[in-house]
Amino acid sequence: MEKILIGEQPMLTPFERGFLAHLVADWLLQNDWMATNKSNLRHPATWAHAMIHAILLSIALGWLGGLVLTIVHILIDTRVPLNWWRGFFQQTSDGPYAVVTAVWADQVLHLLAIGLWVMFGAE
């Protein structure tokens, strides 16, 4: 994908915009209450976290991208896909590396979703 230039300064690609929106929503604007409770779809923390993602991803990728990626984000945050992945690939779920493995696998799934949206879902 070619970068569009404004003057001599390159704009961000759609993936870069989605990536930055995700980083801000998941790392800078997510508090402990959200991180602790977002896996429970009945908890308001899930929906507060989702709204932050919806707003930022919609700004970055348009309303449809924001909507689709927020739904996917919520599903990933239930930890069901992550638990399946860790079981299927026999990744550690206890011990000193369990948390690091889980955090990185979670982030890779989110970024994969953004990449797939940019490649196949975006107009």
Protein backbone atom coordinates (compact mmCIF):
# COMPACT_ATOMS: atom_id res chain seq x y z
CA MET A 1 0.00 0.00 0.00
CA GLU A 2 1.40 3.35 -1.03
CA LYS A 3 1.69 6.17 1.47
CA ILE A 4 -0.06 9.41 0.61
CA LEU A 5 2.06 12.51 1.03
CA ILE A 6 0.96 15.86 2.43
CA GLY A 7 3.65 18.21 1.25
CA GLU A 8 6.77 16.18 1.96
CA GLN A 9 5.40 14.50 5.11
CA PRO A 10 3.95 10.97 4.71
CA MET A 11 0.57 10.25 6.24
CA LEU A 12 0.05 7.09 8.24
CA THR A 13 -1.17 4.00 6.42
CA PRO A 14 -4.52 2.55 7.52
CA PHE A 15 -2.72 -0.22 9.43
CA GLU A 16 -0.52 2.31 11.21
CA ARG A 17 -3.59 4.35 12.18
CA GLY A 18 -5.37 1.24 13.49
CA PHE A 19 -2.25 0.10 15.32
CA LEU A 20 -1.86 3.46 17.07
CA ALA A 21 -5.56 3.58 17.95
CA HIS A 22 -5.27 0.10 19.45
CA LEU A 23 -2.15 0.98 21.45
CA VAL A 24 -3.76 4.10 22.90
CA ALA A 25 -7.01 2.30 23.77
CA ASP A 26 -5.44 -0.88 25.18
CA TRP A 27 -2.43 0.60 26.96
CA LEU A 28 -2.87 4.30 27.69
CA LEU A 29 -6.63 4.51 28.31
CA GLN A 30 -7.32 1.09 29.86
CA ASN A 31 -7.32 1.18 33.63
CA ASP A 32 -7.11 -1.65 36.17
CA TRP A 33 -10.91 -1.87 36.50
CA MET A 34 -11.24 -2.49 32.76
CA ALA A 35 -8.28 -4.88 32.55
CA THR A 36 -9.59 -6.94 35.47
CA ASN A 37 -13.22 -7.16 34.34
CA LYS A 38 -13.26 -6.92 30.52
CA SER A 39 -13.50 -10.68 30.01
CA ASN A 40 -17.02 -10.68 31.51
CA LEU A 41 -19.53 -9.50 28.90
CA ARG A 42 -22.01 -8.61 31.65
CA HIS A 43 -19.61 -6.21 33.36
CA PRO A 44 -19.74 -2.48 32.49
CA ALA A 45 -15.93 -2.42 32.24
CA THR A 46 -16.21 -4.50 29.06
CA TRP A 47 -18.44 -1.91 27.45
CA ALA A 48 -16.44 1.09 28.67
CA HIS A 49 -13.29 -0.49 27.21
CA ALA A 50 -15.19 -1.32 24.00
CA MET A 51 -16.45 2.26 23.61
CA ILE A 52 -12.90 3.60 23.84
CA HIS A 53 -11.85 1.20 21.10
CA ALA A 54 -14.92 2.01 19.00
CA ILE A 55 -14.24 5.74 19.11
CA LEU A 56 -10.52 5.53 18.38
CA LEU A 57 -10.79 2.82 15.71
CA SER A 58 -13.65 4.70 14.03
CA ILE A 59 -11.48 7.82 13.87
CA ALA A 60 -8.59 5.75 12.50
CA LEU A 61 -10.43 3.45 10.07
CA GLY A 62 -13.97 4.75 9.59
CA TRP A 63 -17.19 3.79 11.36
CA LEU A 64 -17.50 0.32 9.83
CA GLY A 65 -13.92 -0.61 10.65
CA GLY A 66 -14.41 0.75 14.16
CA LEU A 67 -17.58 -1.28 14.64
CA VAL A 68 -16.25 -4.56 13.24
CA LEU A 69 -12.90 -4.33 15.01
CA THR A 70 -14.54 -3.39 18.32
CA ILE A 71 -16.75 -6.48 18.15
CA VAL A 72 -13.72 -8.62 17.35
CA HIS A 73 -11.80 -6.91 20.17
CA ILE A 74 -14.53 -7.73 22.68
CA LEU A 75 -14.55 -11.37 21.59
CA ILE A 76 -10.76 -11.62 21.91
CA ASP A 77 -10.95 -9.99 25.36
CA THR A 78 -13.30 -12.72 26.60
CA ARG A 79 -10.10 -14.81 26.51
CA VAL A 80 -11.92 -17.71 24.82
CA PRO A 81 -9.84 -17.46 21.60
CA LEU A 82 -6.66 -17.01 23.63
CA ASN A 83 -7.36 -20.01 25.86
CA TRP A 84 -8.10 -22.15 22.80
CA TRP A 85 -4.89 -20.95 21.10
CA ARG A 86 -2.76 -21.65 24.17
CA GLY A 87 -4.26 -25.14 24.52
CA PHE A 88 -3.97 -26.01 20.84
CA PHE A 89 -0.35 -24.92 20.59
CA GLN A 90 0.44 -26.16 24.10
CA GLN A 91 1.67 -22.80 25.30
CA THR A 92 2.33 -22.42 29.00
CA SER A 93 -0.61 -21.38 31.15
CA ASP A 94 1.34 -21.35 34.41
CA GLY A 95 4.89 -20.63 35.45
CA PRO A 96 7.05 -17.55 35.01
CA TYR A 97 6.28 -17.00 31.31
CA ALA A 98 2.52 -17.54 31.38
CA VAL A 99 1.55 -13.87 31.76
CA VAL A 100 4.03 -12.68 29.12
CA THR A 101 2.84 -15.36 26.69
CA ALA A 102 -0.80 -14.46 27.31
CA VAL A 103 -0.29 -10.70 26.93
CA TRP A 104 1.67 -11.05 23.69
CA ALA A 105 -0.71 -13.62 22.21
CA ASP A 106 -3.63 -11.29 23.04
CA GLN A 107 -1.92 -8.33 21.38
CA VAL A 108 -0.97 -10.34 18.30
CA LEU A 109 -4.60 -11.45 17.86
CA HIS A 110 -5.77 -7.83 18.08
CA LEU A 111 -3.16 -6.65 15.57
CA LEU A 112 -3.94 -9.58 13.27
CA ALA A 113 -7.58 -8.48 13.27
CA ILE A 114 -6.58 -4.92 12.35
CA GLY A 115 -4.30 -6.21 9.59
CA LEU A 116 -7.00 -8.47 8.17
CA TRP A 117 -9.51 -5.61 8.23
CA VAL A 118 -7.10 -3.32 6.37
CA MET A 119 -6.31 -6.03 3.81
CA PHE A 120 -9.81 -7.39 3.19
CA GLY A 121 -12.50 -5.33 4.90
CA ALA A 122 -11.56 -1.75 4.24
CA GLU A 123 -12.86 -0.07 1.11
